[in-house]
Amino acid sequence: MNKDNVTIKDIARELQISPSTVSRALKDHPDISPETKKLVNNLADKWNYRPNPIALSLKGGASKTLGVVVPEIIHYFFSSVISGIEDHANENGYNIMICQSNEEYEKEVNSIQTLVNSRVDGILISISKLTRNTEHFHELKKKNIPLVFFDRISGEVESDMVIIDDSEGAYMATKHLILEGRKKIVHLSGPPNLIISKDRIEGYIRALNEFQYGVTEENIVKCDQVQEAEWIVPSIMKRTPPPDAFFCVNDFTAAQTLNIVKKLGFHVPDDVAIVGFTNGQLSRLTDPGLSTIDQHGYDMGIEAARLMLDRIRDRKRPYQKRVIKTELVIRGSSVKDR
């Protein structure tokens, strides 16, 4: 027998008593004799018996564990959100289980099934770039498993959610570039199926319209990965005249755009200004430092966990939507020396 995975049945079999007697002896039930309690507890100690948390959750109805699914754990923003979720969960007696989808729909579905099988009390998720089918979320609702979306949400599933004001963040970034005298501002956008991408495009367009700048389709280019920027940005810089600013959907793309523009012989920010979106550690390491929009990921995590615990306590309350405000952080990539 594997002593690292001892069960109540193993102890019962060894002592030739029923599993229910073992269970009650371990709980110091008054109906069990002192002699039997001593035998059970001595053997449990000898074999290093530990209760199975999943089995306890099946019996008690609560695992005190929350499942979290993120596209990428290594992403600064998502790691900040996880920290917020974990801190609030721990303060309220909950643990968390973390899965990452790696931006794959199939892995997202499998991650959710793994968490369901682990008997988590609720699932918090930011959907992958490739998620278009939402059946797995509807299945959670059918099973009455609480669901909270954060950052990347689904517009097809009614649920609690926490988002940042993506439109306002994009508006602030674009307006900043306009006030710095930039005339040809390109927006490197995210996947068109994601609501956050649509909202950031809306904020970008709103700022251009406010200052009576022309909005052209060629200046909104899907490019949200470092690998894409490697060939897309050089092609954009070949335009006549080239753009004098980029507003990028995330800091990774912005940092790579900055590097590429400099390699092409342009000066940042004199020739080309660049603004990103995240305000992760990367934005402080570029040369010059990267202007960006702070998403306040930790605050989002706190709010998401708070919504989840509120839902667990009261399944019938109306669904809530919380919006986290963004903040423009100005560094050297967008402001000329004065």
C-alpha atoms as a PDB file:
ATOM      1  CA  MET A   1       0.000   0.000   0.000  1.00  0.00           C
ATOM      2  CA  ASN A   2       1.193   3.516  -0.779  1.00  0.00           C
ATOM      3  CA  LYS A   3       1.539   5.195   2.623  1.00  0.00           C
ATOM      4  CA  ASP A   4       1.630   8.616   0.888  1.00  0.00           C
ATOM      5  CA  ASN A   5      -2.025   8.273  -0.065  1.00  0.00           C
ATOM      6  CA  VAL A   6      -3.677   6.574   2.920  1.00  0.00           C
ATOM      7  CA  THR A   7      -7.466   6.595   3.058  1.00  0.00           C
ATOM      8  CA  ILE A   8     -10.039   5.899   5.753  1.00  0.00           C
ATOM      9  CA  LYS A   9     -10.780   2.598   4.009  1.00  0.00           C
ATOM     10  CA  ASP A  10      -7.129   1.542   4.393  1.00  0.00           C
ATOM     11  CA  ILE A  11      -7.237   2.164   8.136  1.00  0.00           C
ATOM     12  CA  ALA A  12     -10.588   0.367   8.439  1.00  0.00           C
ATOM     13  CA  ARG A  13      -9.280  -2.636   6.534  1.00  0.00           C
ATOM     14  CA  GLU A  14      -6.169  -2.864   8.733  1.00  0.00           C
ATOM     15  CA  LEU A  15      -8.149  -2.648  11.968  1.00  0.00           C
ATOM     16  CA  GLN A  16     -11.033  -4.758  10.632  1.00  0.00           C
ATOM     17  CA  ILE A  17     -13.665  -2.159  11.437  1.00  0.00           C
ATOM     18  CA  SER A  18     -16.011  -0.139   9.242  1.00  0.00           C
ATOM     19  CA  PRO A  19     -14.899   3.071   7.461  1.00  0.00           C
ATOM     20  CA  SER A  20     -17.702   4.960   9.226  1.00  0.00           C
ATOM     21  CA  THR A  21     -16.270   3.887  12.591  1.00  0.00           C
ATOM     22  CA  VAL A  22     -12.838   5.168  11.552  1.00  0.00           C
ATOM     23  CA  SER A  23     -14.335   8.448  10.420  1.00  0.00           C
ATOM     24  CA  ARG A  24     -16.203   8.967  13.681  1.00  0.00           C
ATOM     25  CA  ALA A  25     -13.166   7.947  15.737  1.00  0.00           C
ATOM     26  CA  LEU A  26     -11.032  10.564  13.977  1.00  0.00           C
ATOM     27  CA  LYS A  27     -13.706  13.160  14.814  1.00  0.00           C
ATOM     28  CA  ASP A  28     -13.742  12.066  18.475  1.00  0.00           C
ATOM     29  CA  HIS A  29     -17.388  11.009  18.270  1.00  0.00           C
ATOM     30  CA  PRO A  30     -18.843  10.069  21.718  1.00  0.00           C
ATOM     31  CA  ASP A  31     -20.354   6.829  20.376  1.00  0.00           C
ATOM     32  CA  ILE A  32     -16.865   5.397  19.715  1.00  0.00           C
ATOM     33  CA  SER A  33     -15.026   3.760  22.597  1.00  0.00           C
ATOM     34  CA  PRO A  34     -11.758   5.266  23.878  1.00  0.00           C
ATOM     35  CA  GLU A  35      -9.917   2.055  22.952  1.00  0.00           C
ATOM     36  CA  THR A  36     -11.064   2.232  19.308  1.00  0.00           C
ATOM     37  CA  LYS A  37     -10.261   5.944  19.097  1.00  0.00           C
ATOM     38  CA  LYS A  38      -6.758   5.229  20.350  1.00  0.00           C
ATOM     39  CA  LEU A  39      -6.208   2.427  17.828  1.00  0.00           C
ATOM     40  CA  VAL A  40      -7.489   4.547  14.933  1.00  0.00           C
ATOM     41  CA  ASN A  41      -5.520   7.655  15.845  1.00  0.00           C
ATOM     42  CA  ASN A  42      -2.307   5.744  16.495  1.00  0.00           C
ATOM     43  CA  LEU A  43      -2.492   4.054  13.100  1.00  0.00           C
ATOM     44  CA  ALA A  44      -3.452   7.332  11.404  1.00  0.00           C
ATOM     45  CA  ASP A  45      -0.374   8.983  12.918  1.00  0.00           C
ATOM     46  CA  LYS A  46       1.853   6.029  12.016  1.00  0.00           C
ATOM     47  CA  TRP A  47       0.694   6.067   8.397  1.00  0.00           C
ATOM     48  CA  ASN A  48       0.666   9.884   8.191  1.00  0.00           C
ATOM     49  CA  TYR A  49      -3.006   9.950   7.241  1.00  0.00           C
ATOM     50  CA  ARG A  50      -4.297  13.295   5.950  1.00  0.00           C
ATOM     51  CA  PRO A  51      -7.945  14.027   5.040  1.00  0.00           C
ATOM     52  CA  ASN A  52      -8.653  14.316   1.324  1.00  0.00           C
ATOM     53  CA  PRO A  53      -9.788  17.924   0.685  1.00  0.00           C
ATOM     54  CA  ILE A  54     -11.797  16.945  -2.388  1.00  0.00           C
ATOM     55  CA  ALA A  55     -13.620  14.245  -0.451  1.00  0.00           C
ATOM     56  CA  LEU A  56     -14.336  16.739   2.297  1.00  0.00           C
ATOM     57  CA  SER A  57     -15.704  19.196  -0.248  1.00  0.00           C
ATOM     58  CA  LEU A  58     -18.027  16.541  -1.629  1.00  0.00           C
ATOM     59  CA  LYS A  59     -19.399  15.948   1.836  1.00  0.00           C
ATOM     60  CA  GLY A  60     -19.343  19.489   3.173  1.00  0.00           C
ATOM     61  CA  GLY A  61     -20.388  21.230  -0.031  1.00  0.00           C
ATOM     62  CA  ALA A  62     -17.525  23.757  -0.045  1.00  0.00           C
ATOM     63  CA  SER A  63     -13.859  23.342  -0.927  1.00  0.00           C
ATOM     64  CA  LYS A  64     -12.919  26.896   0.129  1.00  0.00           C
ATOM     65  CA  THR A  65     -10.974  27.039  -3.124  1.00  0.00           C
ATOM     66  CA  LEU A  66     -11.422  29.374  -6.094  1.00  0.00           C
ATOM     67  CA  GLY A  67     -10.300  28.544  -9.629  1.00  0.00           C
ATOM     68  CA  VAL A  68      -8.526  31.188 -11.719  1.00  0.00           C
ATOM     69  CA  VAL A  69      -7.891  30.943 -15.471  1.00  0.00           C
ATOM     70  CA  VAL A  70      -5.616  33.467 -17.188  1.00  0.00           C
ATOM     71  CA  PRO A  71      -4.210  33.612 -20.728  1.00  0.00           C
ATOM     72  CA  GLU A  72      -0.606  33.888 -19.487  1.00  0.00           C
ATOM     73  CA  ILE A  73       0.744  33.680 -15.951  1.00  0.00           C
ATOM     74  CA  ILE A  74       4.050  35.343 -16.923  1.00  0.00           C
ATOM     75  CA  HIS A  75       2.277  38.467 -18.193  1.00  0.00           C
ATOM     76  CA  TYR A  76       2.828  41.268 -15.634  1.00  0.00           C
ATOM     77  CA  PHE A  77      -0.790  42.397 -15.756  1.00  0.00           C
ATOM     78  CA  PHE A  78      -2.251  38.937 -15.168  1.00  0.00           C
ATOM     79  CA  SER A  79       0.249  38.134 -12.420  1.00  0.00           C
ATOM     80  CA  SER A  80      -0.834  41.384 -10.722  1.00  0.00           C
ATOM     81  CA  VAL A  81      -4.487  40.355 -11.012  1.00  0.00           C
ATOM     82  CA  ILE A  82      -3.690  36.929  -9.543  1.00  0.00           C
ATOM     83  CA  SER A  83      -1.963  38.604  -6.579  1.00  0.00           C
ATOM     84  CA  GLY A  84      -5.059  40.681  -5.898  1.00  0.00           C
ATOM     85  CA  ILE A  85      -7.361  37.668  -6.157  1.00  0.00           C
ATOM     86  CA  GLU A  86      -5.161  35.560  -3.898  1.00  0.00           C
ATOM     87  CA  ASP A  87      -4.756  38.239  -1.220  1.00  0.00           C
ATOM     88  CA  HIS A  88      -8.494  38.868  -0.922  1.00  0.00           C
ATOM     89  CA  ALA A  89      -9.305  35.162  -1.101  1.00  0.00           C
ATOM     90  CA  ASN A  90      -6.777  34.282   1.616  1.00  0.00           C
ATOM     91  CA  GLU A  91      -8.066  37.049   3.874  1.00  0.00           C
ATOM     92  CA  ASN A  92     -11.480  35.383   3.672  1.00  0.00           C
ATOM     93  CA  GLY A  93     -10.328  31.807   4.248  1.00  0.00           C
ATOM     94  CA  TYR A  94     -10.064  30.709   0.599  1.00  0.00           C
ATOM     95  CA  ASN A  95      -7.214  29.292  -1.462  1.00  0.00           C
ATOM     96  CA  ILE A  96      -6.856  29.553  -5.240  1.00  0.00           C
ATOM     97  CA  MET A  97      -5.986  27.116  -8.040  1.00  0.00           C
ATOM     98  CA  ILE A  98      -4.441  28.728 -11.135  1.00  0.00           C
ATOM     99  CA  CYS A  99      -4.605  27.514 -14.732  1.00  0.00           C
ATOM    100  CA  GLN A 100      -3.374  29.222 -17.884  1.00  0.00           C
ATOM    101  CA  SER A 101      -4.923  28.852 -21.319  1.00  0.00           C
ATOM    102  CA  ASN A 102      -1.830  29.951 -23.258  1.00  0.00           C
ATOM    103  CA  GLU A 103      -4.286  31.887 -25.439  1.00  0.00           C
ATOM    104  CA  GLU A 104      -5.810  28.592 -26.661  1.00  0.00           C
ATOM    105  CA  TYR A 105      -9.557  27.948 -26.649  1.00  0.00           C
ATOM    106  CA  GLU A 106      -9.194  24.186 -26.190  1.00  0.00           C
ATOM    107  CA  LYS A 107      -6.846  24.593 -23.236  1.00  0.00           C
ATOM    108  CA  GLU A 108      -9.248  27.099 -21.696  1.00  0.00           C
ATOM    109  CA  VAL A 109     -12.068  24.555 -21.890  1.00  0.00           C
ATOM    110  CA  ASN A 110      -9.847  21.834 -20.412  1.00  0.00           C
ATOM    111  CA  SER A 111      -8.696  24.134 -17.608  1.00  0.00           C
ATOM    112  CA  ILE A 112     -12.266  24.872 -16.611  1.00  0.00           C
ATOM    113  CA  GLN A 113     -13.108  21.160 -16.587  1.00  0.00           C
ATOM    114  CA  THR A 114     -10.074  20.479 -14.392  1.00  0.00           C
ATOM    115  CA  LEU A 115     -11.230  23.110 -11.922  1.00  0.00           C
ATOM    116  CA  VAL A 116     -14.772  21.747 -11.930  1.00  0.00           C
ATOM    117  CA  ASN A 117     -13.436  18.247 -11.250  1.00  0.00           C
ATOM    118  CA  SER A 118     -11.417  19.709  -8.366  1.00  0.00           C
ATOM    119  CA  ARG A 119     -14.663  20.948  -6.822  1.00  0.00           C
ATOM    120  CA  VAL A 120     -13.728  24.643  -6.707  1.00  0.00           C
ATOM    121  CA  ASP A 121     -16.412  26.917  -5.274  1.00  0.00           C
ATOM    122  CA  GLY A 122     -16.228  29.336  -8.199  1.00  0.00           C
ATOM    123  CA  ILE A 123     -14.187  30.246 -11.284  1.00  0.00           C
ATOM    124  CA  LEU A 124     -12.660  33.597 -12.235  1.00  0.00           C
ATOM    125  CA  ILE A 125     -11.486  33.911 -15.829  1.00  0.00           C
ATOM    126  CA  SER A 126     -10.006  36.205 -18.451  1.00  0.00           C
ATOM    127  CA  ILE A 127     -10.791  34.618 -21.803  1.00  0.00           C
ATOM    128  CA  SER A 128      -8.219  33.673 -24.443  1.00  0.00           C
ATOM    129  CA  LYS A 129      -7.730  35.512 -27.727  1.00  0.00           C
ATOM    130  CA  LEU A 130      -9.171  32.540 -29.615  1.00  0.00           C
ATOM    131  CA  THR A 131     -12.322  32.085 -27.525  1.00  0.00           C
ATOM    132  CA  ARG A 132     -15.444  32.566 -29.614  1.00  0.00           C
ATOM    133  CA  ASN A 133     -17.572  29.612 -28.515  1.00  0.00           C
ATOM    134  CA  THR A 134     -18.998  30.259 -25.040  1.00  0.00           C
ATOM    135  CA  GLU A 135     -20.712  26.924 -24.381  1.00  0.00           C
ATOM    136  CA  HIS A 136     -18.288  26.039 -21.580  1.00  0.00           C
ATOM    137  CA  PHE A 137     -19.367  29.149 -19.679  1.00  0.00           C
ATOM    138  CA  HIS A 138     -23.052  28.326 -20.110  1.00  0.00           C
ATOM    139  CA  GLU A 139     -22.330  24.834 -18.752  1.00  0.00           C
ATOM    140  CA  LEU A 140     -20.907  26.385 -15.590  1.00  0.00           C
ATOM    141  CA  LYS A 141     -24.093  28.382 -15.126  1.00  0.00           C
ATOM    142  CA  LYS A 142     -26.199  25.243 -15.617  1.00  0.00           C
ATOM    143  CA  LYS A 143     -24.191  23.582 -12.856  1.00  0.00           C
ATOM    144  CA  ASN A 144     -24.704  26.642 -10.651  1.00  0.00           C
ATOM    145  CA  ILE A 145     -20.957  27.255 -10.390  1.00  0.00           C
ATOM    146  CA  PRO A 146     -20.280  30.982  -9.787  1.00  0.00           C
ATOM    147  CA  LEU A 147     -18.411  32.673 -12.625  1.00  0.00           C
ATOM    148  CA  VAL A 148     -16.639  36.035 -12.665  1.00  0.00           C
ATOM    149  CA  PHE A 149     -15.014  37.506 -15.778  1.00  0.00           C
ATOM    150  CA  PHE A 150     -12.144  39.970 -15.460  1.00  0.00           C
ATOM    151  CA  ASP A 151     -10.407  42.135 -18.083  1.00  0.00           C
ATOM    152  CA  ARG A 152     -11.322  40.040 -21.142  1.00  0.00           C
ATOM    153  CA  ILE A 153     -15.021  39.332 -20.861  1.00  0.00           C
ATOM    154  CA  SER A 154     -17.682  37.579 -22.906  1.00  0.00           C
ATOM    155  CA  GLY A 155     -20.545  39.660 -24.199  1.00  0.00           C
ATOM    156  CA  GLU A 156     -22.665  36.522 -24.633  1.00  0.00           C
ATOM    157  CA  VAL A 157     -22.725  35.317 -21.028  1.00  0.00           C
ATOM    158  CA  GLU A 158     -24.555  37.113 -18.241  1.00  0.00           C
ATOM    159  CA  SER A 159     -22.265  37.116 -15.230  1.00  0.00           C
ATOM    160  CA  ASP A 160     -20.405  39.233 -12.692  1.00  0.00           C
ATOM    161  CA  MET A 161     -17.433  41.012 -14.259  1.00  0.00           C
ATOM    162  CA  VAL A 162     -14.608  43.448 -13.618  1.00  0.00           C
ATOM    163  CA  ILE A 163     -13.131  45.483 -16.432  1.00  0.00           C
ATOM    164  CA  ILE A 164     -10.925  48.501 -16.799  1.00  0.00           C
ATOM    165  CA  ASP A 165     -12.106  51.576 -18.679  1.00  0.00           C
ATOM    166  CA  ASP A 166     -10.348  50.545 -21.895  1.00  0.00           C
ATOM    167  CA  SER A 167     -12.028  53.217 -23.985  1.00  0.00           C
ATOM    168  CA  GLU A 168     -11.018  56.015 -21.633  1.00  0.00           C
ATOM    169  CA  GLY A 169      -7.472  54.669 -21.377  1.00  0.00           C
ATOM    170  CA  ALA A 170      -7.113  54.635 -25.162  1.00  0.00           C
ATOM    171  CA  TYR A 171      -8.643  58.101 -25.360  1.00  0.00           C
ATOM    172  CA  MET A 172      -6.119  59.466 -22.829  1.00  0.00           C
ATOM    173  CA  ALA A 173      -3.180  57.887 -24.651  1.00  0.00           C
ATOM    174  CA  THR A 174      -4.254  59.218 -28.053  1.00  0.00           C
ATOM    175  CA  LYS A 175      -5.117  62.665 -26.709  1.00  0.00           C
ATOM    176  CA  HIS A 176      -1.678  62.855 -25.080  1.00  0.00           C
ATOM    177  CA  LEU A 177      -0.020  62.139 -28.431  1.00  0.00           C
ATOM    178  CA  ILE A 178      -2.171  64.772 -30.147  1.00  0.00           C
ATOM    179  CA  LEU A 179      -1.312  67.397 -27.534  1.00  0.00           C
ATOM    180  CA  GLU A 180       2.355  66.558 -28.085  1.00  0.00           C
ATOM    181  CA  GLY A 181       1.881  67.673 -31.704  1.00  0.00           C
ATOM    182  CA  ARG A 182       1.645  64.257 -33.385  1.00  0.00           C
ATOM    183  CA  LYS A 183      -0.273  64.257 -36.664  1.00  0.00           C
ATOM    184  CA  LYS A 184      -0.115  60.675 -37.985  1.00  0.00           C
ATOM    185  CA  ILE A 185      -0.942  58.311 -35.131  1.00  0.00           C
ATOM    186  CA  VAL A 186      -1.121  54.575 -35.831  1.00  0.00           C
ATOM    187  CA  HIS A 187      -2.985  52.283 -33.451  1.00  0.00           C
ATOM    188  CA  LEU A 188      -1.577  48.752 -33.207  1.00  0.00           C
ATOM    189  CA  SER A 189      -4.713  46.949 -32.013  1.00  0.00           C
ATOM    190  CA  GLY A 190      -5.689  43.618 -30.481  1.00  0.00           C
ATOM    191  CA  PRO A 191      -7.785  40.724 -31.842  1.00  0.00           C
ATOM    192  CA  PRO A 192     -11.042  42.124 -33.265  1.00  0.00           C
ATOM    193  CA  ASN A 193     -13.208  39.556 -31.435  1.00  0.00           C
ATOM    194  CA  LEU A 194     -12.165  40.816 -27.988  1.00  0.00           C
ATOM    195  CA  ILE A 195     -14.271  43.523 -26.372  1.00  0.00           C
ATOM    196  CA  ILE A 196     -11.159  45.192 -24.949  1.00  0.00           C
ATOM    197  CA  SER A 197      -9.792  45.611 -28.492  1.00  0.00           C
ATOM    198  CA  LYS A 198     -13.031  47.195 -29.681  1.00  0.00           C
ATOM    199  CA  ASP A 199     -13.141  49.534 -26.694  1.00  0.00           C
ATOM    200  CA  ARG A 200      -9.559  50.703 -27.204  1.00  0.00           C
ATOM    201  CA  ILE A 201     -10.229  51.361 -30.876  1.00  0.00           C
ATOM    202  CA  GLU A 202     -13.305  53.351 -29.846  1.00  0.00           C
ATOM    203  CA  GLY A 203     -11.238  55.495 -27.452  1.00  0.00           C
ATOM    204  CA  TYR A 204      -8.576  56.078 -30.104  1.00  0.00           C
ATOM    205  CA  ILE A 205     -11.179  57.178 -32.650  1.00  0.00           C
ATOM    206  CA  ARG A 206     -12.957  59.369 -30.088  1.00  0.00           C
ATOM    207  CA  ALA A 207      -9.781  61.342 -29.417  1.00  0.00           C
ATOM    208  CA  LEU A 208      -9.051  61.775 -33.127  1.00  0.00           C
ATOM    209  CA  ASN A 209     -12.584  63.007 -33.789  1.00  0.00           C
ATOM    210  CA  GLU A 210     -12.461  65.423 -30.857  1.00  0.00           C
ATOM    211  CA  PHE A 211      -9.446  67.154 -32.398  1.00  0.00           C
ATOM    212  CA  GLN A 212     -10.857  66.837 -35.920  1.00  0.00           C
ATOM    213  CA  TYR A 213      -8.162  64.442 -37.074  1.00  0.00           C
ATOM    214  CA  GLY A 214      -9.043  62.161 -39.943  1.00  0.00           C
ATOM    215  CA  VAL A 215      -9.716  58.528 -39.053  1.00  0.00           C
ATOM    216  CA  THR A 216      -8.367  56.110 -41.659  1.00  0.00           C
ATOM    217  CA  GLU A 217      -8.593  52.329 -41.691  1.00  0.00           C
ATOM    218  CA  GLU A 218      -4.926  51.923 -42.623  1.00  0.00           C
ATOM    219  CA  ASN A 219      -3.939  53.506 -39.306  1.00  0.00           C
ATOM    220  CA  ILE A 220      -5.712  50.801 -37.276  1.00  0.00           C
ATOM    221  CA  VAL A 221      -3.584  47.667 -37.667  1.00  0.00           C
ATOM    222  CA  LYS A 222      -4.072  44.378 -35.824  1.00  0.00           C
ATOM    223  CA  CYS A 223      -0.704  43.834 -34.125  1.00  0.00           C
ATOM    224  CA  ASP A 224      -0.585  42.693 -30.512  1.00  0.00           C
ATOM    225  CA  GLN A 225       2.411  40.350 -30.451  1.00  0.00           C
ATOM    226  CA  VAL A 226       6.159  40.906 -30.587  1.00  0.00           C
ATOM    227  CA  GLN A 227       6.482  38.542 -33.556  1.00  0.00           C
ATOM    228  CA  GLU A 228       3.848  40.450 -35.541  1.00  0.00           C
ATOM    229  CA  ALA A 229       5.519  43.779 -34.822  1.00  0.00           C
ATOM    230  CA  GLU A 230       8.774  42.514 -36.329  1.00  0.00           C
ATOM    231  CA  TRP A 231       7.315  42.626 -39.849  1.00  0.00           C
ATOM    232  CA  ILE A 232       4.316  44.942 -39.494  1.00  0.00           C
ATOM    233  CA  VAL A 233       6.107  47.962 -38.003  1.00  0.00           C
ATOM    234  CA  PRO A 234       8.857  48.140 -40.688  1.00  0.00           C
ATOM    235  CA  SER A 235       6.198  48.012 -43.416  1.00  0.00           C
ATOM    236  CA  ILE A 236       4.273  50.863 -41.749  1.00  0.00           C
ATOM    237  CA  MET A 237       7.432  52.957 -41.423  1.00  0.00           C
ATOM    238  CA  LYS A 238       7.935  52.713 -45.211  1.00  0.00           C
ATOM    239  CA  ARG A 239       4.859  54.870 -45.773  1.00  0.00           C
ATOM    240  CA  THR A 240       5.302  58.341 -47.241  1.00  0.00           C
ATOM    241  CA  PRO A 241       5.282  60.169 -44.953  1.00  0.00           C
ATOM    242  CA  PRO A 242       5.817  57.664 -42.110  1.00  0.00           C
ATOM    243  CA  PRO A 243       3.747  57.926 -38.936  1.00  0.00           C
ATOM    244  CA  ASP A 244       5.033  60.125 -36.135  1.00  0.00           C
ATOM    245  CA  ALA A 245       3.361  58.150 -33.326  1.00  0.00           C
ATOM    246  CA  PHE A 246       2.178  54.682 -32.307  1.00  0.00           C
ATOM    247  CA  PHE A 247      -0.441  53.872 -29.695  1.00  0.00           C
ATOM    248  CA  CYS A 248      -0.017  50.152 -28.948  1.00  0.00           C
ATOM    249  CA  VAL A 249      -2.518  47.765 -27.403  1.00  0.00           C
ATOM    250  CA  ASN A 250       0.033  46.438 -24.885  1.00  0.00           C
ATOM    251  CA  ASP A 251       3.516  47.168 -23.542  1.00  0.00           C
ATOM    252  CA  PHE A 252       5.155  44.158 -25.215  1.00  0.00           C
ATOM    253  CA  THR A 253       4.141  45.380 -28.651  1.00  0.00           C
ATOM    254  CA  ALA A 254       5.052  48.962 -27.728  1.00  0.00           C
ATOM    255  CA  ALA A 255       8.524  47.993 -26.506  1.00  0.00           C
ATOM    256  CA  GLN A 256       9.213  45.998 -29.666  1.00  0.00           C
ATOM    257  CA  THR A 257       7.900  48.872 -31.802  1.00  0.00           C
ATOM    258  CA  LEU A 258      10.274  51.224 -29.996  1.00  0.00           C
ATOM    259  CA  ASN A 259      13.234  48.918 -30.680  1.00  0.00           C
ATOM    260  CA  ILE A 260      12.328  48.481 -34.346  1.00  0.00           C
ATOM    261  CA  VAL A 261      11.809  52.193 -34.969  1.00  0.00           C
ATOM    262  CA  LYS A 262      15.228  52.964 -33.463  1.00  0.00           C
ATOM    263  CA  LYS A 263      16.900  50.240 -35.567  1.00  0.00           C
ATOM    264  CA  LEU A 264      15.362  51.798 -38.662  1.00  0.00           C
ATOM    265  CA  GLY A 265      17.196  55.037 -37.872  1.00  0.00           C
ATOM    266  CA  PHE A 266      14.378  57.054 -36.336  1.00  0.00           C
ATOM    267  CA  HIS A 267      14.734  58.841 -33.018  1.00  0.00           C
ATOM    268  CA  VAL A 268      12.292  58.209 -30.189  1.00  0.00           C
ATOM    269  CA  PRO A 269      10.532  60.457 -29.289  1.00  0.00           C
ATOM    270  CA  ASP A 270      11.703  63.258 -31.624  1.00  0.00           C
ATOM    271  CA  ASP A 271      10.716  61.449 -34.842  1.00  0.00           C
ATOM    272  CA  VAL A 272       8.275  58.908 -33.481  1.00  0.00           C
ATOM    273  CA  ALA A 273       6.402  58.879 -30.161  1.00  0.00           C
ATOM    274  CA  ILE A 274       5.187  55.613 -28.642  1.00  0.00           C
ATOM    275  CA  VAL A 275       2.599  54.851 -25.951  1.00  0.00           C
ATOM    276  CA  GLY A 276       1.781  51.369 -24.634  1.00  0.00           C
ATOM    277  CA  PHE A 277      -0.908  49.847 -22.409  1.00  0.00           C
ATOM    278  CA  THR A 278      -0.218  47.977 -19.128  1.00  0.00           C
ATOM    279  CA  ASN A 279       2.488  49.803 -17.121  1.00  0.00           C
ATOM    280  CA  GLY A 280       4.348  46.624 -16.287  1.00  0.00           C
ATOM    281  CA  GLN A 281       8.007  46.336 -15.340  1.00  0.00           C
ATOM    282  CA  LEU A 282       8.982  46.296 -19.009  1.00  0.00           C
ATOM    283  CA  SER A 283       7.865  49.919 -19.437  1.00  0.00           C
ATOM    284  CA  ARG A 284      10.589  51.034 -17.015  1.00  0.00           C
ATOM    285  CA  LEU A 285      13.358  49.103 -18.756  1.00  0.00           C
ATOM    286  CA  THR A 286      13.137  50.470 -22.303  1.00  0.00           C
ATOM    287  CA  ASP A 287      15.306  53.319 -23.563  1.00  0.00           C
ATOM    288  CA  PRO A 288      13.715  55.790 -23.366  1.00  0.00           C
ATOM    289  CA  GLY A 289      11.175  54.719 -20.734  1.00  0.00           C
ATOM    290  CA  LEU A 290       7.794  53.770 -22.152  1.00  0.00           C
ATOM    291  CA  SER A 291       4.764  56.011 -21.717  1.00  0.00           C
ATOM    292  CA  THR A 292       1.779  53.794 -21.039  1.00  0.00           C
ATOM    293  CA  ILE A 293      -1.665  53.317 -19.519  1.00  0.00           C
ATOM    294  CA  ASP A 294      -1.702  51.793 -16.041  1.00  0.00           C
ATOM    295  CA  GLN A 295      -4.357  49.067 -15.813  1.00  0.00           C
ATOM    296  CA  HIS A 296      -4.169  48.654 -12.015  1.00  0.00           C
ATOM    297  CA  GLY A 297      -4.227  44.856 -12.220  1.00  0.00           C
ATOM    298  CA  TYR A 298      -3.947  44.281  -8.469  1.00  0.00           C
ATOM    299  CA  ASP A 299      -7.059  46.390  -7.849  1.00  0.00           C
ATOM    300  CA  MET A 300      -8.878  44.412 -10.526  1.00  0.00           C
ATOM    301  CA  GLY A 301      -7.957  41.172  -8.764  1.00  0.00           C
ATOM    302  CA  ILE A 302      -9.268  42.447  -5.436  1.00  0.00           C
ATOM    303  CA  GLU A 303     -12.582  43.465  -7.020  1.00  0.00           C
ATOM    304  CA  ALA A 304     -12.925  40.192  -8.932  1.00  0.00           C
ATOM    305  CA  ALA A 305     -12.393  38.143  -5.762  1.00  0.00           C
ATOM    306  CA  ARG A 306     -14.811  40.360  -3.852  1.00  0.00           C
ATOM    307  CA  LEU A 307     -17.488  39.826  -6.501  1.00  0.00           C
ATOM    308  CA  MET A 308     -16.896  36.076  -6.398  1.00  0.00           C
ATOM    309  CA  LEU A 309     -17.240  35.806  -2.626  1.00  0.00           C
ATOM    310  CA  ASP A 310     -20.344  38.007  -2.708  1.00  0.00           C
ATOM    311  CA  ARG A 311     -21.834  35.663  -5.317  1.00  0.00           C
ATOM    312  CA  ILE A 312     -20.995  32.572  -3.258  1.00  0.00           C
ATOM    313  CA  ARG A 313     -22.759  34.103  -0.254  1.00  0.00           C
ATOM    314  CA  ASP A 314     -25.799  35.230  -2.241  1.00  0.00           C
ATOM    315  CA  ARG A 315     -26.510  33.338  -5.469  1.00  0.00           C
ATOM    316  CA  LYS A 316     -29.679  35.346  -6.192  1.00  0.00           C
ATOM    317  CA  ARG A 317     -28.342  38.896  -6.124  1.00  0.00           C
ATOM    318  CA  PRO A 318     -28.240  40.900  -9.390  1.00  0.00           C
ATOM    319  CA  TYR A 319     -25.105  40.579 -11.508  1.00  0.00           C
ATOM    320  CA  GLN A 320     -22.525  43.279 -10.897  1.00  0.00           C
ATOM    321  CA  LYS A 321     -20.135  45.065 -13.280  1.00  0.00           C
ATOM    322  CA  ARG A 322     -17.188  46.907 -11.771  1.00  0.00           C
ATOM    323  CA  VAL A 323     -15.051  49.319 -13.807  1.00  0.00           C
ATOM    324  CA  ILE A 324     -11.466  50.097 -12.757  1.00  0.00           C
ATOM    325  CA  LYS A 325     -10.195  53.515 -13.832  1.00  0.00           C
ATOM    326  CA  THR A 326      -6.993  53.757 -15.869  1.00  0.00           C
ATOM    327  CA  GLU A 327      -4.139  56.230 -15.531  1.00  0.00           C
ATOM    328  CA  LEU A 328      -1.772  57.765 -18.091  1.00  0.00           C
ATOM    329  CA  VAL A 329       1.882  57.362 -17.087  1.00  0.00           C
ATOM    330  CA  ILE A 330       4.142  59.651 -19.112  1.00  0.00           C
ATOM    331  CA  ARG A 331       7.790  58.725 -19.721  1.00  0.00           C
ATOM    332  CA  GLY A 332      10.390  59.572 -22.310  1.00  0.00           C
ATOM    333  CA  SER A 333       8.989  57.636 -25.271  1.00  0.00           C
ATOM    334  CA  SER A 334       6.311  60.250 -25.999  1.00  0.00           C
ATOM    335  CA  VAL A 335       7.609  63.611 -24.772  1.00  0.00           C
ATOM    336  CA  LYS A 336      10.332  65.603 -26.528  1.00  0.00           C
ATOM    337  CA  ASP A 337      12.998  67.280 -24.457  1.00  0.00           C
ATOM    338  CA  ARG A 338      11.960  70.789 -23.534  1.00  0.00           C
END
